[in-house]
Amino acid sequence: MNLFTVITVTYNAEDTLLRTLKSVQEQTYSNIEHIIVDGNSTDGTVDLIKKHTKEYTRWISEKDKGIYDAMNKATAMAHGEYVCYLNAGDAFYEKETVEKLVSAAQQYKHPDILYGETVIVDNTGKNLHNRRLKAPEKLNWKSFKQGMLVCHQAFIIKRSIFEPYDLTYRYSSDVDWCIRLMKESKSIVNTHQVLIKYLNEGVTTANRNTSLKERFSIMTKHYGKLSTILHHAWFVVRAIINPQKK
C-alpha cells in the first residue's frame, strides 16, 4: 500500500478543525500520513491537535509567512507518494476519498496529477451545489485560461513533482502553482470522482479584490496580457447577459 500524505495548515481554527481531522481519521484507506502545520495559533487549536493526534499524525506550531509558507513547510515534511492539501475547516473528505484516489493512481500507472470534482457545502456539511466551474474531461496548463477549473484541494500531485508555492502571492498562489505543475507534468488524470466537500466561504472569498488582482497578474504571466484581457472581458459580458449565473 502506497503512503498517501494529507496536509492541513491551520491558524486559530479551533471552531472548524475537528471536522477536517475526523474526515482524515475516518478514511477507509489506512496508509495515510497527516501533516499539520499551525501558524502559532492563539486559541485552542493546538490543544485540539494534541487531543486528536494519531500515530500517523505529525505536526508543528510556529509563526509563518502565511498559508502558502505553511504549505511549503508541510510538504518538506512529507513522505507520501501523493500529496493533497486539506485545510482546516474549509474542506473535508468523504470516508472513501483517499481509497478512490489510490485506486485511480494504480489504475492509471501513477500519473503526476490526479484531479476531480468539488461539492460546495454549508457550515453543517449539507450539500448545497456543485462547484460552478466544473472540472474538464481533459486538463492541461492552458485550461486555466477559463479560470481555476479545478479546486486546489481536488488537485492531487505526486510529491516528486512538487514546486514551492510563490510567496509573492498572498491569496492566489495556488492558481500559479497549479499552472506551473501542469506545465511540468507528463500525465494528468481525471478521477471522475467528487474529491472535496468545500465550505461556501474561504480566505480567497473574504479577500476577493486582492485575490482577483493577483489572479490577473498570474494569468498575464502564464498566458500573456492580451489573452488575459480578452478572457476577463468575456467574464464581464457573461455577467451582464446572465447576472444570476455564478
C-alpha atoms as a PDB file:
ATOM      1  CA  MET A   1       0.000   0.000   0.000  1.00  0.00           C
ATOM      2  CA  ASN A   2       1.450   3.342  -1.051  1.00  0.00           C
ATOM      3  CA  LEU A   3       1.776   6.034   1.590  1.00  0.00           C
ATOM      4  CA  PHE A   4      -0.554   8.982   0.995  1.00  0.00           C
ATOM      5  CA  THR A   5       0.124  12.383   2.595  1.00  0.00           C
ATOM      6  CA  VAL A   6      -2.661  14.733   3.661  1.00  0.00           C
ATOM      7  CA  ILE A   7      -1.505  18.252   4.563  1.00  0.00           C
ATOM      8  CA  THR A   8      -3.530  20.584   6.771  1.00  0.00           C
ATOM      9  CA  VAL A   9      -2.463  24.129   7.619  1.00  0.00           C
ATOM     10  CA  THR A  10      -4.171  25.920  10.485  1.00  0.00           C
ATOM     11  CA  TYR A  11      -4.389  29.238  12.271  1.00  0.00           C
ATOM     12  CA  ASN A  12      -6.933  29.905  15.003  1.00  0.00           C
ATOM     13  CA  ALA A  13      -9.111  27.116  13.636  1.00  0.00           C
ATOM     14  CA  GLU A  14     -10.466  25.773  16.920  1.00  0.00           C
ATOM     15  CA  ASP A  15     -14.080  26.081  15.763  1.00  0.00           C
ATOM     16  CA  THR A  16     -13.666  24.353  12.396  1.00  0.00           C
ATOM     17  CA  LEU A  17     -10.675  21.998  12.596  1.00  0.00           C
ATOM     18  CA  LEU A  18     -12.351  18.981  14.189  1.00  0.00           C
ATOM     19  CA  ARG A  19     -14.439  18.096  11.120  1.00  0.00           C
ATOM     20  CA  THR A  20     -11.325  18.134   8.944  1.00  0.00           C
ATOM     21  CA  LEU A  21      -9.369  15.955  11.388  1.00  0.00           C
ATOM     22  CA  LYS A  22     -12.205  13.455  11.640  1.00  0.00           C
ATOM     23  CA  SER A  23     -12.558  13.249   7.870  1.00  0.00           C
ATOM     24  CA  VAL A  24      -8.930  12.101   7.693  1.00  0.00           C
ATOM     25  CA  GLN A  25      -9.233   9.726  10.653  1.00  0.00           C
ATOM     26  CA  GLU A  26     -12.341   8.043   9.201  1.00  0.00           C
ATOM     27  CA  GLN A  27     -10.768   7.175   5.846  1.00  0.00           C
ATOM     28  CA  THR A  28     -11.191   3.591   4.673  1.00  0.00           C
ATOM     29  CA  TYR A  29      -7.618   3.679   3.349  1.00  0.00           C
ATOM     30  CA  SER A  30      -5.232   3.220   6.276  1.00  0.00           C
ATOM     31  CA  ASN A  31      -1.751   4.027   4.952  1.00  0.00           C
ATOM     32  CA  ILE A  32      -2.090   7.771   5.475  1.00  0.00           C
ATOM     33  CA  GLU A  33       0.342  10.345   6.781  1.00  0.00           C
ATOM     34  CA  HIS A  34      -1.321  13.502   8.145  1.00  0.00           C
ATOM     35  CA  ILE A  35       0.899  16.554   8.499  1.00  0.00           C
ATOM     36  CA  ILE A  36      -0.447  19.611  10.307  1.00  0.00           C
ATOM     37  CA  VAL A  37       1.376  22.933  10.271  1.00  0.00           C
ATOM     38  CA  ASP A  38      -0.106  25.508  12.607  1.00  0.00           C
ATOM     39  CA  GLY A  39       0.812  29.193  12.421  1.00  0.00           C
ATOM     40  CA  ASN A  40       1.234  29.640  16.184  1.00  0.00           C
ATOM     41  CA  SER A  41      -2.491  29.864  16.939  1.00  0.00           C
ATOM     42  CA  THR A  42      -3.644  31.868  19.949  1.00  0.00           C
ATOM     43  CA  ASP A  43      -6.927  29.998  20.504  1.00  0.00           C
ATOM     44  CA  GLY A  44      -7.437  26.330  21.354  1.00  0.00           C
ATOM     45  CA  THR A  45      -6.244  24.948  18.005  1.00  0.00           C
ATOM     46  CA  VAL A  46      -3.035  23.401  19.336  1.00  0.00           C
ATOM     47  CA  ASP A  47      -4.851  21.746  22.248  1.00  0.00           C
ATOM     48  CA  LEU A  48      -7.326  20.299  19.748  1.00  0.00           C
ATOM     49  CA  ILE A  49      -4.494  18.947  17.592  1.00  0.00           C
ATOM     50  CA  LYS A  50      -2.838  17.363  20.621  1.00  0.00           C
ATOM     51  CA  LYS A  51      -6.102  15.777  21.718  1.00  0.00           C
ATOM     52  CA  HIS A  52      -6.781  14.205  18.321  1.00  0.00           C
ATOM     53  CA  THR A  53      -3.242  13.234  17.316  1.00  0.00           C
ATOM     54  CA  LYS A  54      -2.957   9.715  15.911  1.00  0.00           C
ATOM     55  CA  GLU A  55       0.073   7.516  15.270  1.00  0.00           C
ATOM     56  CA  TYR A  56       0.214   8.776  11.670  1.00  0.00           C
ATOM     57  CA  THR A  57      -0.015  12.479  12.617  1.00  0.00           C
ATOM     58  CA  ARG A  58       2.959  14.827  12.643  1.00  0.00           C
ATOM     59  CA  TRP A  59       2.560  18.465  13.495  1.00  0.00           C
ATOM     60  CA  ILE A  60       4.352  21.704  14.328  1.00  0.00           C
ATOM     61  CA  SER A  61       3.140  25.073  15.587  1.00  0.00           C
ATOM     62  CA  GLU A  62       5.235  28.153  14.836  1.00  0.00           C
ATOM     63  CA  LYS A  63       4.953  31.544  13.186  1.00  0.00           C
ATOM     64  CA  ASP A  64       4.949  31.549   9.401  1.00  0.00           C
ATOM     65  CA  LYS A  65       4.611  33.953   6.491  1.00  0.00           C
ATOM     66  CA  GLY A  66       1.086  32.899   5.623  1.00  0.00           C
ATOM     67  CA  ILE A  67      -0.818  29.926   4.284  1.00  0.00           C
ATOM     68  CA  TYR A  68       1.482  29.203   1.350  1.00  0.00           C
ATOM     69  CA  ASP A  69       4.603  29.350   3.501  1.00  0.00           C
ATOM     70  CA  ALA A  70       2.920  26.828   5.802  1.00  0.00           C
ATOM     71  CA  MET A  71       2.142  24.575   2.824  1.00  0.00           C
ATOM     72  CA  ASN A  72       5.776  24.718   1.713  1.00  0.00           C
ATOM     73  CA  LYS A  73       6.902  23.740   5.224  1.00  0.00           C
ATOM     74  CA  ALA A  74       4.422  20.900   5.421  1.00  0.00           C
ATOM     75  CA  THR A  75       5.333  19.471   2.025  1.00  0.00           C
ATOM     76  CA  ALA A  76       9.013  19.461   3.009  1.00  0.00           C
ATOM     77  CA  MET A  77       7.985  17.153   5.877  1.00  0.00           C
ATOM     78  CA  ALA A  78       6.003  14.759   3.664  1.00  0.00           C
ATOM     79  CA  HIS A  79       6.977  11.197   2.715  1.00  0.00           C
ATOM     80  CA  GLY A  80       3.936  10.040   0.728  1.00  0.00           C
ATOM     81  CA  GLU A  81       3.924   9.259  -2.972  1.00  0.00           C
ATOM     82  CA  TYR A  82       0.999  11.669  -3.391  1.00  0.00           C
ATOM     83  CA  VAL A  83       0.273  14.900  -1.548  1.00  0.00           C
ATOM     84  CA  CYS A  84      -3.024  16.698  -1.106  1.00  0.00           C
ATOM     85  CA  TYR A  85      -3.962  19.844   0.798  1.00  0.00           C
ATOM     86  CA  LEU A  86      -6.948  19.732   3.117  1.00  0.00           C
ATOM     87  CA  ASN A  87      -7.047  22.993   5.019  1.00  0.00           C
ATOM     88  CA  ALA A  88      -8.646  23.391   8.408  1.00  0.00           C
ATOM     89  CA  GLY A  89     -12.384  23.784   8.315  1.00  0.00           C
ATOM     90  CA  ASP A  90     -12.865  24.880   4.720  1.00  0.00           C
ATOM     91  CA  ALA A  91     -12.689  21.393   3.197  1.00  0.00           C
ATOM     92  CA  PHE A  92     -13.173  17.780   4.178  1.00  0.00           C
ATOM     93  CA  TYR A  93     -13.344  14.270   2.707  1.00  0.00           C
ATOM     94  CA  GLU A  94     -15.924  11.563   2.399  1.00  0.00           C
ATOM     95  CA  LYS A  95     -14.781   8.304   4.012  1.00  0.00           C
ATOM     96  CA  GLU A  96     -13.673   6.574   0.802  1.00  0.00           C
ATOM     97  CA  THR A  97     -11.964   9.541  -0.878  1.00  0.00           C
ATOM     98  CA  VAL A  98      -8.344   8.530  -0.317  1.00  0.00           C
ATOM     99  CA  GLU A  99      -9.074   4.900  -1.198  1.00  0.00           C
ATOM    100  CA  LYS A 100     -10.555   6.058  -4.503  1.00  0.00           C
ATOM    101  CA  LEU A 101      -7.542   8.280  -5.179  1.00  0.00           C
ATOM    102  CA  VAL A 102      -5.084   5.475  -4.526  1.00  0.00           C
ATOM    103  CA  SER A 103      -7.116   3.140  -6.722  1.00  0.00           C
ATOM    104  CA  ALA A 104      -7.121   5.702  -9.551  1.00  0.00           C
ATOM    105  CA  ALA A 105      -3.364   6.194  -9.184  1.00  0.00           C
ATOM    106  CA  GLN A 106      -2.798   2.467  -9.545  1.00  0.00           C
ATOM    107  CA  GLN A 107      -5.249   2.119 -12.430  1.00  0.00           C
ATOM    108  CA  TYR A 108      -3.571   4.880 -14.444  1.00  0.00           C
ATOM    109  CA  LYS A 109       0.010   3.827 -13.613  1.00  0.00           C
ATOM    110  CA  HIS A 110       0.751   6.562 -11.085  1.00  0.00           C
ATOM    111  CA  PRO A 111       0.241   9.799 -13.026  1.00  0.00           C
ATOM    112  CA  ASP A 112       1.845  13.053 -11.936  1.00  0.00           C
ATOM    113  CA  ILE A 113      -1.510  14.713 -11.174  1.00  0.00           C
ATOM    114  CA  LEU A 114      -4.967  13.426 -10.226  1.00  0.00           C
ATOM    115  CA  TYR A 115      -7.992  15.712 -10.142  1.00  0.00           C
ATOM    116  CA  GLY A 116     -11.743  15.622  -9.635  1.00  0.00           C
ATOM    117  CA  GLU A 117     -14.898  17.483  -8.687  1.00  0.00           C
ATOM    118  CA  THR A 118     -15.825  19.666  -5.725  1.00  0.00           C
ATOM    119  CA  VAL A 119     -19.158  19.973  -3.912  1.00  0.00           C
ATOM    120  CA  ILE A 120     -19.994  23.167  -2.034  1.00  0.00           C
ATOM    121  CA  VAL A 121     -21.473  22.680   1.445  1.00  0.00           C
ATOM    122  CA  ASP A 122     -22.796  24.869   4.240  1.00  0.00           C
ATOM    123  CA  ASN A 123     -21.438  25.073   7.807  1.00  0.00           C
ATOM    124  CA  THR A 124     -23.358  21.943   8.787  1.00  0.00           C
ATOM    125  CA  GLY A 125     -21.799  19.911   5.972  1.00  0.00           C
ATOM    126  CA  LYS A 126     -25.027  19.815   3.949  1.00  0.00           C
ATOM    127  CA  ASN A 127     -24.560  19.717   0.174  1.00  0.00           C
ATOM    128  CA  LEU A 128     -25.580  22.977  -1.497  1.00  0.00           C
ATOM    129  CA  HIS A 129     -24.491  22.546  -5.104  1.00  0.00           C
ATOM    130  CA  ASN A 130     -21.611  21.525  -7.324  1.00  0.00           C
ATOM    131  CA  ARG A 131     -18.813  23.996  -7.767  1.00  0.00           C
ATOM    132  CA  ARG A 132     -19.645  26.497 -10.533  1.00  0.00           C
ATOM    133  CA  LEU A 133     -16.525  25.680 -12.550  1.00  0.00           C
ATOM    134  CA  LYS A 134     -16.762  22.017 -13.492  1.00  0.00           C
ATOM    135  CA  ALA A 135     -13.573  20.023 -13.862  1.00  0.00           C
ATOM    136  CA  PRO A 136     -12.893  19.468 -17.582  1.00  0.00           C
ATOM    137  CA  GLU A 137     -12.702  15.982 -19.067  1.00  0.00           C
ATOM    138  CA  LYS A 138      -9.108  16.716 -20.085  1.00  0.00           C
ATOM    139  CA  LEU A 139      -6.882  19.102 -18.156  1.00  0.00           C
ATOM    140  CA  ASN A 140      -3.646  20.833 -19.134  1.00  0.00           C
ATOM    141  CA  TRP A 141      -1.891  24.055 -18.205  1.00  0.00           C
ATOM    142  CA  LYS A 142      -3.821  26.069 -20.803  1.00  0.00           C
ATOM    143  CA  SER A 143      -7.162  25.010 -19.287  1.00  0.00           C
ATOM    144  CA  PHE A 144      -6.934  27.636 -16.547  1.00  0.00           C
ATOM    145  CA  LYS A 145      -7.330  30.408 -19.123  1.00  0.00           C
ATOM    146  CA  GLN A 146     -11.022  29.821 -18.419  1.00  0.00           C
ATOM    147  CA  GLY A 147     -10.492  30.229 -14.663  1.00  0.00           C
ATOM    148  CA  MET A 148      -9.419  27.783 -11.960  1.00  0.00           C
ATOM    149  CA  LEU A 149     -11.407  24.847 -13.302  1.00  0.00           C
ATOM    150  CA  VAL A 150     -10.210  22.501 -10.560  1.00  0.00           C
ATOM    151  CA  CYS A 151     -10.342  23.398  -6.874  1.00  0.00           C
ATOM    152  CA  HIS A 152      -6.929  23.403  -5.205  1.00  0.00           C
ATOM    153  CA  GLN A 153      -7.971  20.684  -2.753  1.00  0.00           C
ATOM    154  CA  ALA A 154      -9.169  18.489  -5.623  1.00  0.00           C
ATOM    155  CA  PHE A 155      -5.775  18.788  -7.359  1.00  0.00           C
ATOM    156  CA  ILE A 156      -3.590  15.929  -6.110  1.00  0.00           C
ATOM    157  CA  ILE A 157       0.093  15.760  -7.019  1.00  0.00           C
ATOM    158  CA  LYS A 158       2.961  13.337  -6.918  1.00  0.00           C
ATOM    159  CA  ARG A 159       5.372  14.598  -4.280  1.00  0.00           C
ATOM    160  CA  SER A 160       8.245  14.116  -6.718  1.00  0.00           C
ATOM    161  CA  ILE A 161       6.967  16.956  -8.960  1.00  0.00           C
ATOM    162  CA  PHE A 162       6.319  19.428  -6.123  1.00  0.00           C
ATOM    163  CA  GLU A 163       7.495  23.003  -6.569  1.00  0.00           C
ATOM    164  CA  PRO A 164       7.212  25.552  -3.726  1.00  0.00           C
ATOM    165  CA  TYR A 165       4.329  27.996  -3.684  1.00  0.00           C
ATOM    166  CA  ASP A 166       5.354  31.516  -4.699  1.00  0.00           C
ATOM    167  CA  LEU A 167       5.048  33.685  -1.582  1.00  0.00           C
ATOM    168  CA  THR A 168       4.747  36.797  -3.765  1.00  0.00           C
ATOM    169  CA  TYR A 169       1.034  35.994  -3.916  1.00  0.00           C
ATOM    170  CA  ARG A 170      -0.863  36.135  -0.619  1.00  0.00           C
ATOM    171  CA  TYR A 171      -4.234  34.732  -1.718  1.00  0.00           C
ATOM    172  CA  SER A 172      -3.904  33.160  -5.180  1.00  0.00           C
ATOM    173  CA  SER A 173      -0.547  31.420  -5.201  1.00  0.00           C
ATOM    174  CA  ASP A 174      -2.388  28.115  -5.611  1.00  0.00           C
ATOM    175  CA  VAL A 175      -3.510  29.226  -9.098  1.00  0.00           C
ATOM    176  CA  ASP A 176       0.064  29.939 -10.162  1.00  0.00           C
ATOM    177  CA  TRP A 177       1.242  26.713  -8.503  1.00  0.00           C
ATOM    178  CA  CYS A 178      -1.279  24.516 -10.327  1.00  0.00           C
ATOM    179  CA  ILE A 179      -0.388  26.038 -13.703  1.00  0.00           C
ATOM    180  CA  ARG A 180       3.347  25.600 -13.110  1.00  0.00           C
ATOM    181  CA  LEU A 181       2.934  21.962 -12.118  1.00  0.00           C
ATOM    182  CA  MET A 182       0.706  21.212 -15.088  1.00  0.00           C
ATOM    183  CA  LYS A 183       3.348  22.683 -17.389  1.00  0.00           C
ATOM    184  CA  GLU A 184       5.914  20.247 -15.994  1.00  0.00           C
ATOM    185  CA  SER A 185       3.746  17.142 -15.590  1.00  0.00           C
ATOM    186  CA  LYS A 186       3.814  14.227 -18.015  1.00  0.00           C
ATOM    187  CA  SER A 187       0.421  12.756 -17.098  1.00  0.00           C
ATOM    188  CA  ILE A 188      -2.781  14.289 -15.695  1.00  0.00           C
ATOM    189  CA  VAL A 189      -5.770  12.066 -14.898  1.00  0.00           C
ATOM    190  CA  ASN A 190      -9.416  12.884 -14.246  1.00  0.00           C
ATOM    191  CA  THR A 191     -10.692  10.590 -11.475  1.00  0.00           C
ATOM    192  CA  HIS A 192     -14.343  11.426 -12.297  1.00  0.00           C
ATOM    193  CA  GLN A 193     -14.927  11.479  -8.542  1.00  0.00           C
ATOM    194  CA  VAL A 194     -16.084  14.123  -6.075  1.00  0.00           C
ATOM    195  CA  LEU A 195     -12.874  14.569  -4.101  1.00  0.00           C
ATOM    196  CA  ILE A 196     -13.649  17.526  -1.861  1.00  0.00           C
ATOM    197  CA  LYS A 197     -16.542  18.997   0.064  1.00  0.00           C
ATOM    198  CA  TYR A 198     -15.794  22.684   0.365  1.00  0.00           C
ATOM    199  CA  LEU A 199     -17.283  25.412   2.544  1.00  0.00           C
ATOM    200  CA  ASN A 200     -19.075  28.228   0.762  1.00  0.00           C
ATOM    201  CA  GLU A 201     -16.717  30.837   2.211  1.00  0.00           C
ATOM    202  CA  GLY A 202     -12.942  30.864   2.458  1.00  0.00           C
ATOM    203  CA  VAL A 203      -9.844  33.035   2.626  1.00  0.00           C
ATOM    204  CA  THR A 204      -9.945  33.890  -1.065  1.00  0.00           C
ATOM    205  CA  THR A 205     -13.624  34.840  -0.919  1.00  0.00           C
ATOM    206  CA  ALA A 206     -13.059  37.042   2.125  1.00  0.00           C
ATOM    207  CA  ASN A 207     -10.228  38.874   0.310  1.00  0.00           C
ATOM    208  CA  ARG A 208     -11.791  38.833  -3.132  1.00  0.00           C
ATOM    209  CA  ASN A 209     -10.468  42.117  -4.565  1.00  0.00           C
ATOM    210  CA  THR A 210      -6.837  41.417  -3.737  1.00  0.00           C
ATOM    211  CA  SER A 211      -7.247  37.847  -4.945  1.00  0.00           C
ATOM    212  CA  LEU A 212      -8.649  38.963  -8.304  1.00  0.00           C
ATOM    213  CA  LYS A 213      -5.741  41.364  -8.841  1.00  0.00           C
ATOM    214  CA  GLU A 214      -3.296  38.582  -8.085  1.00  0.00           C
ATOM    215  CA  ARG A 215      -5.090  36.203 -10.439  1.00  0.00           C
ATOM    216  CA  PHE A 216      -4.951  38.743 -13.256  1.00  0.00           C
ATOM    217  CA  SER A 217      -1.202  39.088 -12.692  1.00  0.00           C
ATOM    218  CA  ILE A 218      -0.776  35.298 -12.672  1.00  0.00           C
ATOM    219  CA  MET A 219      -2.817  34.819 -15.850  1.00  0.00           C
ATOM    220  CA  THR A 220      -0.843  37.562 -17.591  1.00  0.00           C
ATOM    221  CA  LYS A 221       2.423  35.883 -16.603  1.00  0.00           C
ATOM    222  CA  HIS A 222       1.408  32.495 -17.993  1.00  0.00           C
ATOM    223  CA  TYR A 223      -0.904  33.354 -20.895  1.00  0.00           C
ATOM    224  CA  GLY A 224       0.043  36.882 -21.956  1.00  0.00           C
ATOM    225  CA  LYS A 225      -1.696  40.208 -21.358  1.00  0.00           C
ATOM    226  CA  LEU A 226      -3.909  40.300 -24.462  1.00  0.00           C
ATOM    227  CA  SER A 227      -5.272  36.784 -23.946  1.00  0.00           C
ATOM    228  CA  THR A 228      -5.943  37.532 -20.279  1.00  0.00           C
ATOM    229  CA  ILE A 229      -7.739  40.806 -21.038  1.00  0.00           C
ATOM    230  CA  LEU A 230      -9.926  39.112 -23.667  1.00  0.00           C
ATOM    231  CA  HIS A 231     -10.906  36.296 -21.316  1.00  0.00           C
ATOM    232  CA  HIS A 232     -11.687  38.722 -18.492  1.00  0.00           C
ATOM    233  CA  ALA A 233     -13.774  40.837 -20.868  1.00  0.00           C
ATOM    234  CA  TRP A 234     -15.849  37.742 -21.678  1.00  0.00           C
ATOM    235  CA  PHE A 235     -16.445  37.121 -17.960  1.00  0.00           C
ATOM    236  CA  VAL A 236     -17.786  40.686 -17.620  1.00  0.00           C
ATOM    237  CA  VAL A 237     -20.041  40.332 -20.672  1.00  0.00           C
ATOM    238  CA  ARG A 238     -21.360  36.986 -19.432  1.00  0.00           C
ATOM    239  CA  ALA A 239     -22.157  38.530 -16.037  1.00  0.00           C
ATOM    240  CA  ILE A 240     -24.127  41.314 -17.735  1.00  0.00           C
ATOM    241  CA  ILE A 241     -26.034  38.907 -20.007  1.00  0.00           C
ATOM    242  CA  ASN A 242     -26.793  36.410 -17.240  1.00  0.00           C
ATOM    243  CA  PRO A 243     -26.352  38.125 -13.851  1.00  0.00           C
ATOM    244  CA  GLN A 244     -27.927  35.219 -11.960  1.00  0.00           C
ATOM    245  CA  LYS A 245     -25.262  32.721 -13.050  1.00  0.00           C
ATOM    246  CA  LYS A 246     -22.357  32.492 -10.645  1.00  0.00           C
END
